């Protein structure tokens, strides 16, 4: 097949140049093909509204785009040999189906704002799906916190036994961490949810486009107001999204590290069923936390994502630069990785087994010493004097054990504030609106009366 590029001017491009500049773009583009088609549908509706298409042309284009959308849903849409990307493929197929009418679909837009639109629609959907998964992990952690609120646990600082904690506090702490991760996701969604369509190559167009209409059709909160900012913005939204994903990854990595530590024979605070752990090919006693080690490693790599994006974008001039093409696979792959880690963490925590009576071990007697200081303080002894007194008798002394009921202030093991943490998470998750590609496509067809 003859090469087909949106930017062709009659000269046959060198195949080696096309291969290098396209790279794995075709594989990535198929992942956003549904959003490219949906963006074209909204654009076509708008073009008819501003009299750049006739009503009949609009209907022809929308019906053809609907067929392409169904073709993609059925896994039959391919980017043909010699075709550069999904944008070219869609336009080629429309031209084959409709002739000159099909070639009108690119009126008033550039591949730049088309790519921007596809990425924003894809990212919004991924953020909504990811938020749902994050919230499921939040619910699992909060449930475990409530379930084990009375089970005491030694708290550590500097890797040394420090003070009395509980599994309720431990699980609940990670649940609250998740609420902040959700908050960052919500901020990334808000920043992402502005319409770039109509900014063309970053300098607008003389055609009378209605950018507010396409924003409304595609359920954006607003438009990107300044056309040049659409290009300057490349990397900024991706960086914000990457920071949100890195925050989730940080939480999962730290939780995984705790679990690996708590599963050791020396700690032995928790365990999992044999079918959820792995063993050794030579050592029959081994029970390895491979799942958590892999989550830790994968999430540590995800935390490098903001730096990778910064290295691509930090010294670029304004306007479009081809360097930005490399952002697309970074973000797409990151969503895949973080969702796999979230899904596995939520699943395997459903089988966690918490050990009871951990503090019966004499090695943890000293962790009650701070509360012994507090007991003396309650009897009127100055804190520093009480501290010195307890420090003087610390060796080989067993202090009065404290229980959750002895702790009353907010955030302590006796007052976990789980209800307030839950309310905060529910408020944040309400900022997401899940709208799948088929749902949005159906809405556009209905709006057009087709």
Protein backbone atom coordinates (compact mmCIF):
# COMPACT_ATOMS: atom_id res chain seq x y z
CA UNK A 1 0.00 0.00 0.00
CA UNK A 2 1.19 3.50 -0.79
CA UNK A 3 2.41 5.40 2.25
CA UNK A 4 -0.30 7.59 3.82
CA UNK A 5 0.53 10.44 6.17
CA UNK A 6 -1.58 13.41 7.21
CA UNK A 7 1.39 15.67 6.49
CA UNK A 8 2.28 14.27 3.04
CA UNK A 9 2.81 16.74 0.19
CA UNK A 10 3.46 14.38 -2.74
CA UNK A 11 7.00 13.26 -1.91
CA UNK A 12 7.44 9.64 -0.88
CA UNK A 13 8.99 9.62 2.64
CA UNK A 14 12.13 7.59 3.34
CA UNK A 15 10.97 4.31 5.03
CA UNK A 16 13.87 4.38 7.52
CA UNK A 17 12.86 7.87 8.68
CA UNK A 18 9.23 6.85 9.05
CA UNK A 19 10.15 3.72 10.97
CA UNK A 20 12.35 5.65 13.39
CA UNK A 21 9.89 8.51 13.97
CA UNK A 22 6.90 6.21 14.33
CA UNK A 23 8.62 3.48 16.34
CA UNK A 24 6.04 1.63 18.43
CA UNK A 25 3.52 4.42 17.93
CA UNK A 26 1.10 2.14 16.09
CA UNK A 27 0.81 -0.27 19.02
CA UNK A 28 0.23 2.59 21.43
CA UNK A 29 -2.27 4.29 19.13
CA UNK A 30 -4.55 1.26 19.04
CA UNK A 31 -4.97 1.67 22.80
CA UNK A 32 -6.47 5.11 22.29
CA UNK A 33 -8.30 4.42 19.01
CA UNK A 34 -11.75 4.54 20.63
CA UNK A 35 -11.05 8.00 22.02
CA UNK A 36 -9.70 9.21 18.68
CA UNK A 37 -12.94 8.16 17.01
CA UNK A 38 -15.07 9.73 19.74
CA UNK A 39 -13.12 12.98 19.46
CA UNK A 40 -13.73 12.98 15.72
CA UNK A 41 -17.44 12.47 16.30
CA UNK A 42 -17.67 15.50 18.58
CA UNK A 43 -15.63 17.52 16.07
CA UNK A 44 -17.98 16.54 13.22
CA UNK A 45 -21.05 17.54 15.23
CA UNK A 46 -19.46 20.92 15.92
CA UNK A 47 -18.46 21.44 12.26
CA UNK A 48 -22.08 21.02 11.22
CA UNK A 49 -23.24 23.44 13.92
CA UNK A 50 -20.92 26.16 12.56
CA UNK A 51 -21.94 25.42 8.93
CA UNK A 52 -18.64 23.90 7.84
CA UNK A 53 -20.45 20.63 7.12
CA UNK A 54 -23.94 20.03 5.84
CA UNK A 55 -26.38 18.04 7.94
CA UNK A 56 -26.17 15.19 5.46
CA UNK A 57 -22.36 15.18 5.58
CA UNK A 58 -22.48 15.13 9.35
CA UNK A 59 -24.78 12.11 9.34
CA UNK A 60 -22.63 10.26 6.82
CA UNK A 61 -19.48 10.90 8.84
CA UNK A 62 -21.06 9.95 12.17
CA UNK A 63 -22.46 6.71 10.80
CA UNK A 64 -19.07 5.83 9.33
CA UNK A 65 -17.31 6.73 12.58
CA UNK A 66 -19.80 4.58 14.47
CA UNK A 67 -18.90 1.64 12.22
CA UNK A 68 -15.21 2.26 12.89
CA UNK A 69 -15.90 2.43 16.63
CA UNK A 70 -17.67 -0.94 16.51
CA UNK A 71 -14.82 -2.32 14.42
CA UNK A 72 -12.39 -1.24 17.15
CA UNK A 73 -14.55 -2.65 19.95
CA UNK A 74 -14.59 -5.99 18.11
CA UNK A 75 -10.79 -5.93 17.82
CA UNK A 76 -10.87 -5.62 14.04
CA UNK A 77 -9.46 -2.12 13.58
CA UNK A 78 -5.83 -2.21 12.48
CA UNK A 79 -3.31 0.39 11.39
CA UNK A 80 -2.39 -0.70 7.88
CA UNK A 81 1.13 -1.05 6.53
CA UNK A 82 2.36 2.32 5.33
CA UNK A 83 -0.11 4.22 7.53
CA UNK A 84 1.62 6.28 10.18
CA UNK A 85 -0.83 6.40 13.07
CA UNK A 86 -4.44 5.96 14.19
CA UNK A 87 -5.37 9.48 13.05
CA UNK A 88 -4.26 8.69 9.49
CA UNK A 89 -5.95 5.29 9.61
CA UNK A 90 -9.31 6.73 10.65
CA UNK A 91 -9.17 9.44 8.00
CA UNK A 92 -8.15 6.91 5.33
CA UNK A 93 -11.03 4.59 6.18
CA UNK A 94 -13.50 7.47 6.16
CA UNK A 95 -12.20 8.55 2.76
CA UNK A 96 -12.54 5.00 1.41
CA UNK A 97 -16.10 4.75 2.71
CA UNK A 98 -17.31 8.26 1.87
CA UNK A 99 -14.95 9.73 -0.72
CA UNK A 100 -14.49 13.53 -0.52
CA UNK A 101 -16.79 13.78 2.52
CA UNK A 102 -14.42 11.56 4.49
CA UNK A 103 -11.56 13.95 3.79
CA UNK A 104 -13.44 16.79 5.49
CA UNK A 105 -13.06 15.26 8.95
CA UNK A 106 -9.74 17.03 9.56
CA UNK A 107 -11.19 20.49 8.92
CA UNK A 108 -10.12 22.98 11.59
CA UNK A 109 -7.78 20.73 13.53
CA UNK A 110 -4.16 19.63 13.56
CA UNK A 111 -2.72 16.30 14.49
CA UNK A 112 -1.38 18.18 17.53
CA UNK A 113 -4.74 19.00 19.08
CA UNK A 114 -6.05 15.63 17.93
CA UNK A 115 -3.32 13.80 19.84
CA UNK A 116 -3.82 16.08 22.85
CA UNK A 117 -7.53 15.33 22.84
CA UNK A 118 -7.05 11.57 22.58
CA UNK A 119 -4.56 11.54 25.44
CA UNK A 120 -6.80 13.65 27.68
CA UNK A 121 -9.87 11.51 27.05
CA UNK A 122 -7.84 8.33 27.62
CA UNK A 123 -6.21 9.75 30.75
CA UNK A 124 -9.52 10.90 32.22
CA UNK A 125 -10.99 7.44 31.78
CA UNK A 126 -7.91 5.80 33.27
CA UNK A 127 -7.95 8.16 36.26
CA UNK A 128 -11.62 7.36 36.90
CA UNK A 129 -10.98 3.61 36.69
CA UNK A 130 -7.86 3.91 38.83
CA UNK A 131 -9.70 5.93 41.50
CA UNK A 132 -12.26 3.15 41.74
CA UNK A 133 -9.48 0.60 42.33
CA UNK A 134 -7.75 2.84 44.87
CA UNK A 135 -11.01 3.24 46.75
CA UNK A 136 -11.46 -0.55 46.88
CA UNK A 137 -8.02 -0.87 48.49
CA UNK A 138 -8.99 1.91 50.89
CA UNK A 139 -12.12 -0.01 51.90
CA UNK A 140 -10.12 -3.20 52.39
CA UNK A 141 -7.57 -1.44 54.62
CA UNK A 142 -10.22 0.36 56.66
CA UNK A 143 -12.14 -2.88 57.14
CA UNK A 144 -8.99 -4.61 58.38
CA UNK A 145 -8.36 -1.67 60.71
CA UNK A 146 -11.83 -2.01 62.24
CA UNK A 147 -11.53 -5.78 62.43
CA UNK A 148 -8.19 -5.72 64.26
CA UNK A 149 -8.48 -2.50 66.26
CA UNK A 150 -7.93 -4.33 69.58
CA UNK A 151 -4.92 -6.40 68.48
CA UNK A 152 -1.77 -4.79 69.86
CA UNK A 153 1.43 -4.47 67.88
CA UNK A 154 4.86 -3.07 68.73
CA UNK A 155 5.52 0.24 67.01
CA UNK A 156 9.06 0.75 65.73
CA UNK A 157 11.29 3.78 65.21
CA UNK A 158 14.87 3.49 63.91
CA UNK A 159 14.06 -0.23 63.46
CA UNK A 160 13.91 -0.59 67.25
CA UNK A 161 10.85 -1.38 69.42
CA UNK A 162 9.46 2.00 70.46
CA UNK A 163 5.85 2.26 71.67
CA UNK A 164 2.58 0.39 71.74
CA UNK A 165 0.70 0.33 68.47
CA UNK A 166 -2.06 -1.84 67.06
CA UNK A 167 -3.02 -3.47 63.80
CA UNK A 168 -5.98 -1.12 63.78
CA UNK A 169 -3.60 1.84 63.78
CA UNK A 170 -1.29 0.25 61.19
CA UNK A 171 -4.00 -0.66 58.68
CA UNK A 172 -5.80 2.64 59.34
CA UNK A 173 -2.66 4.66 58.70
CA UNK A 174 -2.35 3.21 55.22
CA UNK A 175 -6.06 3.77 54.65
CA UNK A 176 -5.62 7.47 55.38
CA UNK A 177 -2.55 7.56 53.14
CA UNK A 178 -4.79 6.31 50.35
CA UNK A 179 -7.13 9.29 50.86
CA UNK A 180 -4.26 11.65 50.06
CA UNK A 181 -3.42 9.56 47.00
CA UNK A 182 -7.05 9.94 45.91
CA UNK A 183 -6.80 13.69 46.45
CA UNK A 184 -3.81 13.89 44.10
CA UNK A 185 -5.65 11.77 41.54
CA UNK A 186 -8.63 14.14 41.76
CA UNK A 187 -6.35 17.15 41.23
CA UNK A 188 -4.77 15.45 38.22
CA UNK A 189 -8.22 14.74 36.79
CA UNK A 190 -9.28 18.36 37.21
CA UNK A 191 -6.14 19.63 35.49
CA UNK A 192 -6.52 17.10 32.70
CA UNK A 193 -10.23 17.72 32.09
CA UNK A 194 -9.95 20.79 29.83
CA UNK A 195 -10.62 20.66 26.12
CA UNK A 196 -7.62 21.22 23.77
CA UNK A 197 -9.62 20.59 20.58
CA UNK A 198 -9.67 23.62 18.31
CA UNK A 199 -6.25 24.92 19.31
CA UNK A 200 -4.94 23.22 16.14
CA UNK A 201 -1.14 23.37 15.99
CA UNK A 202 -1.11 25.73 18.97
CA UNK A 203 -2.04 28.91 17.14
CA UNK A 204 -5.76 28.54 16.55
CA UNK A 205 -7.45 28.80 13.15
CA UNK A 206 -9.39 31.29 11.04
CA UNK A 207 -12.32 28.88 10.91
CA UNK A 208 -15.27 29.72 13.22
CA UNK A 209 -14.96 26.74 15.55
CA UNK A 210 -17.18 26.37 18.61
CA UNK A 211 -14.75 24.99 21.18
CA UNK A 212 -17.22 25.26 24.04
CA UNK A 213 -19.56 22.92 22.18
CA UNK A 214 -16.96 20.17 21.78
CA UNK A 215 -16.04 20.64 25.45
CA UNK A 216 -19.68 20.13 26.40
CA UNK A 217 -20.10 17.12 24.11
CA UNK A 218 -17.00 15.43 25.49
CA UNK A 219 -17.83 16.36 29.12
CA UNK A 220 -14.81 18.52 29.74
CA UNK A 221 -15.05 21.05 32.56
CA UNK A 222 -13.78 23.85 30.31
CA UNK A 223 -11.52 24.60 27.35
CA UNK A 224 -7.82 25.41 27.32
CA UNK A 225 -8.27 29.13 26.77
CA UNK A 226 -4.97 30.14 25.17
CA UNK A 227 -4.14 28.12 22.05
CA UNK A 228 -0.41 28.29 22.60
CA UNK A 229 -0.82 26.90 26.10
CA UNK A 230 -2.14 23.67 24.59
CA UNK A 231 1.40 22.95 23.41
CA UNK A 232 3.16 24.52 26.38
CA UNK A 233 0.93 22.35 28.54
CA UNK A 234 2.33 19.15 27.05
CA UNK A 235 4.22 17.44 29.84
CA UNK A 236 2.60 19.55 32.56
CA UNK A 237 -0.55 17.44 32.76
CA UNK A 238 1.49 14.28 32.30
CA UNK A 239 3.75 15.38 35.16
CA UNK A 240 0.74 15.96 37.42
CA UNK A 241 -0.70 12.57 36.55
CA UNK A 242 2.72 10.97 37.07
CA UNK A 243 2.99 12.59 40.51
CA UNK A 244 -0.38 11.13 41.47
CA UNK A 245 0.60 7.66 40.25
CA UNK A 246 3.96 7.97 42.03
CA UNK A 247 2.14 8.84 45.25
CA UNK A 248 0.04 5.68 45.03
CA UNK A 249 3.18 3.72 44.20
CA UNK A 250 4.92 5.15 47.25
CA UNK A 251 2.08 3.98 49.51
CA UNK A 252 2.06 0.51 47.99
CA UNK A 253 5.84 0.22 48.17
CA UNK A 254 6.00 1.18 51.84
CA UNK A 255 3.10 -1.15 52.71
CA UNK A 256 4.84 -3.96 50.83
CA UNK A 257 8.05 -3.33 52.76
CA UNK A 258 6.18 -3.50 56.08
CA UNK A 259 4.54 -6.76 55.05
CA UNK A 260 7.87 -8.30 53.98
CA UNK A 261 9.32 -7.32 57.36
CA UNK A 262 6.31 -8.51 59.35
CA UNK A 263 6.40 -11.88 57.56
CA UNK A 264 9.98 -12.66 58.62
CA UNK A 265 10.58 -15.39 61.18
CA UNK A 266 12.13 -12.81 63.51
CA UNK A 267 9.02 -10.60 63.50
CA UNK A 268 6.30 -13.14 62.67
CA UNK A 269 3.47 -10.62 63.05
CA UNK A 270 1.44 -11.78 60.05
CA UNK A 271 1.16 -14.68 57.64
CA UNK A 272 -0.66 -15.71 54.47
CA UNK A 273 -2.06 -19.05 53.28
CA UNK A 274 0.49 -21.31 51.66
CA UNK A 275 -1.21 -21.01 48.27
CA UNK A 276 -0.46 -17.26 48.24
CA UNK A 277 3.25 -17.47 48.93
CA UNK A 278 6.16 -19.07 47.12
CA UNK A 279 8.97 -21.37 48.18
CA UNK A 280 12.53 -22.31 47.33
CA UNK A 281 13.81 -24.93 44.92
CA UNK A 282 16.35 -26.10 47.51
CA UNK A 283 15.14 -24.94 50.96
CA UNK A 284 11.87 -26.66 51.91
CA UNK A 285 11.14 -24.37 54.87
CA UNK A 286 11.02 -21.15 52.81
CA UNK A 287 7.88 -19.02 52.64
CA UNK A 288 8.75 -16.10 50.42
CA UNK A 289 6.79 -12.84 50.04
CA UNK A 290 7.41 -12.68 46.30
CA UNK A 291 4.18 -10.82 45.55
CA UNK A 292 5.09 -7.98 47.89
CA UNK A 293 8.69 -7.86 46.72
CA UNK A 294 7.50 -7.46 43.14
CA UNK A 295 4.95 -4.82 44.08
CA UNK A 296 7.70 -2.97 45.95
CA UNK A 297 10.09 -3.10 42.98
CA UNK A 298 7.47 -2.19 40.36
CA UNK A 299 6.20 0.69 42.48
CA UNK A 300 9.73 1.95 43.08
CA UNK A 301 10.17 2.10 39.31
CA UNK A 302 6.85 3.94 38.99
CA UNK A 303 8.16 6.58 41.37
CA UNK A 304 10.77 7.49 38.74
CA UNK A 305 8.02 8.45 36.27
CA UNK A 306 7.95 12.19 37.14
CA UNK A 307 11.71 12.34 36.60
CA UNK A 308 11.45 10.59 33.24
CA UNK A 309 8.82 13.10 32.11
CA UNK A 310 10.92 16.01 33.38
CA UNK A 311 13.92 14.75 31.41
CA UNK A 312 11.85 14.75 28.21
CA UNK A 313 10.11 18.09 28.66
CA UNK A 314 12.14 20.40 30.91
CA UNK A 315 14.26 22.13 28.23
CA UNK A 316 11.85 22.17 25.28
CA UNK A 317 10.89 25.45 23.57
CA UNK A 318 7.22 26.39 23.29
CA UNK A 319 5.26 24.88 20.42
CA UNK A 320 5.11 21.23 19.48
CA UNK A 321 8.30 19.15 19.51
CA UNK A 322 8.48 15.48 18.50
CA UNK A 323 10.13 14.63 21.83
CA UNK A 324 6.62 14.77 23.29
CA UNK A 325 5.66 11.62 21.41
CA UNK A 326 7.58 9.62 24.01
CA UNK A 327 5.23 10.74 26.80
CA UNK A 328 2.33 8.68 25.51
CA UNK A 329 3.73 5.16 26.15
CA UNK A 330 5.16 6.24 29.51
CA UNK A 331 1.73 7.25 30.83
CA UNK A 332 -0.14 4.34 29.24
CA UNK A 333 2.28 1.75 30.62
CA UNK A 334 2.27 3.41 34.04
CA UNK A 335 -1.49 3.07 34.32
CA UNK A 336 -1.22 -0.63 33.45
CA UNK A 337 1.50 -1.23 36.05
CA UNK A 338 -0.14 0.62 38.93
CA UNK A 339 -3.52 -1.05 38.30
CA UNK A 340 -1.94 -4.50 38.34
CA UNK A 341 -0.18 -3.74 41.63
CA UNK A 342 -3.35 -2.26 43.18
CA UNK A 343 -5.45 -5.22 42.13
CA UNK A 344 -3.02 -7.74 43.57
CA UNK A 345 -2.56 -5.83 46.84
CA UNK A 346 -6.31 -5.59 47.40
CA UNK A 347 -6.77 -9.25 46.56
CA UNK A 348 -4.01 -10.70 48.72
CA UNK A 349 -4.81 -8.52 51.75
CA UNK A 350 -8.14 -10.32 51.84
CA UNK A 351 -6.25 -13.40 53.05
CA UNK A 352 -3.90 -11.78 55.60
CA UNK A 353 -3.68 -13.51 58.98
CA UNK A 354 -2.84 -11.34 61.96
CA UNK A 355 -0.98 -12.85 64.93
CA UNK A 356 -2.37 -12.13 68.39
CA UNK A 357 -0.56 -11.87 71.72
CA UNK A 358 2.59 -10.52 70.05
CA UNK A 359 3.31 -8.29 73.03
CA UNK A 360 3.42 -11.28 75.39
CA UNK A 361 7.02 -11.69 74.28
CA UNK A 362 9.29 -10.19 77.04
CA UNK A 363 11.40 -8.44 74.42
CA UNK A 364 8.58 -5.89 74.11
CA UNK A 365 8.31 -5.04 77.82
CA UNK A 366 10.20 -1.79 77.31
CA UNK A 367 7.68 -0.34 74.86
CA UNK A 368 5.36 0.41 77.79
CA UNK A 369 8.01 2.66 79.40
CA UNK A 370 6.76 5.89 77.76
CA UNK A 371 3.30 5.27 79.13
CA UNK A 372 4.85 4.62 82.55
CA UNK A 373 6.37 8.11 82.27
CA UNK A 374 2.92 9.45 81.43
CA UNK A 375 1.41 7.63 84.43
CA UNK A 376 3.85 9.46 86.72
CA UNK A 377 3.07 12.75 84.96
CA UNK A 378 -0.62 12.25 85.69
CA UNK A 379 0.33 11.99 89.37
CA UNK A 380 1.94 15.43 89.27
CA UNK A 381 5.58 14.60 88.61
CA UNK A 382 7.24 16.91 86.02
CA UNK A 383 7.74 15.13 82.71
CA UNK A 384 11.54 15.40 82.64
CA UNK A 385 11.81 14.05 86.19
CA UNK A 386 9.46 11.19 85.34
CA UNK A 387 11.47 10.43 82.20
CA UNK A 388 14.72 10.20 84.16
CA UNK A 389 13.11 8.06 86.84
CA UNK A 390 11.78 5.52 84.35
CA UNK A 391 15.05 5.54 82.38
CA UNK A 392 16.86 4.63 85.60
CA UNK A 393 14.76 1.50 86.17
CA UNK A 394 14.30 0.47 82.54
CA UNK A 395 16.59 -2.53 82.48
CA UNK A 396 14.81 -5.82 83.28
CA UNK A 397 11.69 -4.00 84.46
CA UNK A 398 8.17 -4.92 83.38
CA UNK A 399 5.91 -1.89 83.19
CA UNK A 400 2.16 -1.76 83.50
CA UNK A 401 0.64 -2.80 80.19
CA UNK A 402 -1.62 -0.33 78.48
CA UNK A 403 -4.68 -1.24 76.40
CA UNK A 404 -6.52 0.59 73.58
CA UNK A 405 -9.03 1.89 76.13
CA UNK A 406 -6.23 3.87 77.79
CA UNK A 407 -5.78 5.99 74.66
CA UNK A 408 -8.46 8.59 74.00
CA UNK A 409 -7.12 11.38 71.80
CA UNK A 410 -7.89 11.48 68.09
CA UNK A 411 -5.60 9.30 66.04
CA UNK A 412 -4.47 7.06 68.90
CA UNK A 413 -4.99 3.30 69.07
CA UNK A 414 -8.09 3.87 71.19
CA UNK A 415 -9.59 6.50 68.88
CA UNK A 416 -8.77 5.59 65.29
CA UNK A 417 -11.14 8.13 63.68
CA UNK A 418 -11.95 5.60 60.97
CA UNK A 419 -15.40 7.11 60.47
CA UNK A 420 -13.86 10.50 59.70
CA UNK A 421 -11.25 8.96 57.41
CA UNK A 422 -14.01 7.14 55.54
CA UNK A 423 -16.04 10.33 55.16
CA UNK A 424 -13.03 12.15 53.71
CA UNK A 425 -12.38 9.38 51.20
CA UNK A 426 -16.03 9.29 50.13
CA UNK A 427 -15.98 13.06 49.56
CA UNK A 428 -12.90 12.81 47.34
CA UNK A 429 -14.11 9.80 45.33
CA UNK A 430 -17.23 11.83 44.53
CA UNK A 431 -15.06 14.08 42.33
CA UNK A 432 -14.63 11.28 39.81
CA UNK A 433 -17.19 10.43 37.14
CA UNK A 434 -16.76 7.18 35.31
CA UNK A 435 -17.81 7.49 31.66
CA UNK A 436 -16.71 4.70 29.35
CA UNK A 437 -15.96 5.14 25.66
CA UNK A 438 -19.09 3.20 24.57
CA UNK A 439 -21.26 5.35 26.86
CA UNK A 440 -19.81 8.59 25.48
CA UNK A 441 -20.09 7.35 21.89
CA UNK A 442 -23.74 6.48 22.43
CA UNK A 443 -24.37 9.92 23.94
CA UNK A 444 -22.85 11.67 20.90
CA UNK A 445 -24.92 9.64 18.47
CA UNK A 446 -28.05 10.42 20.45
CA UNK A 447 -27.19 14.12 20.54
CA UNK A 448 -26.86 14.09 16.76
CA UNK A 449 -30.23 12.34 16.41
CA UNK A 450 -28.75 9.19 14.89
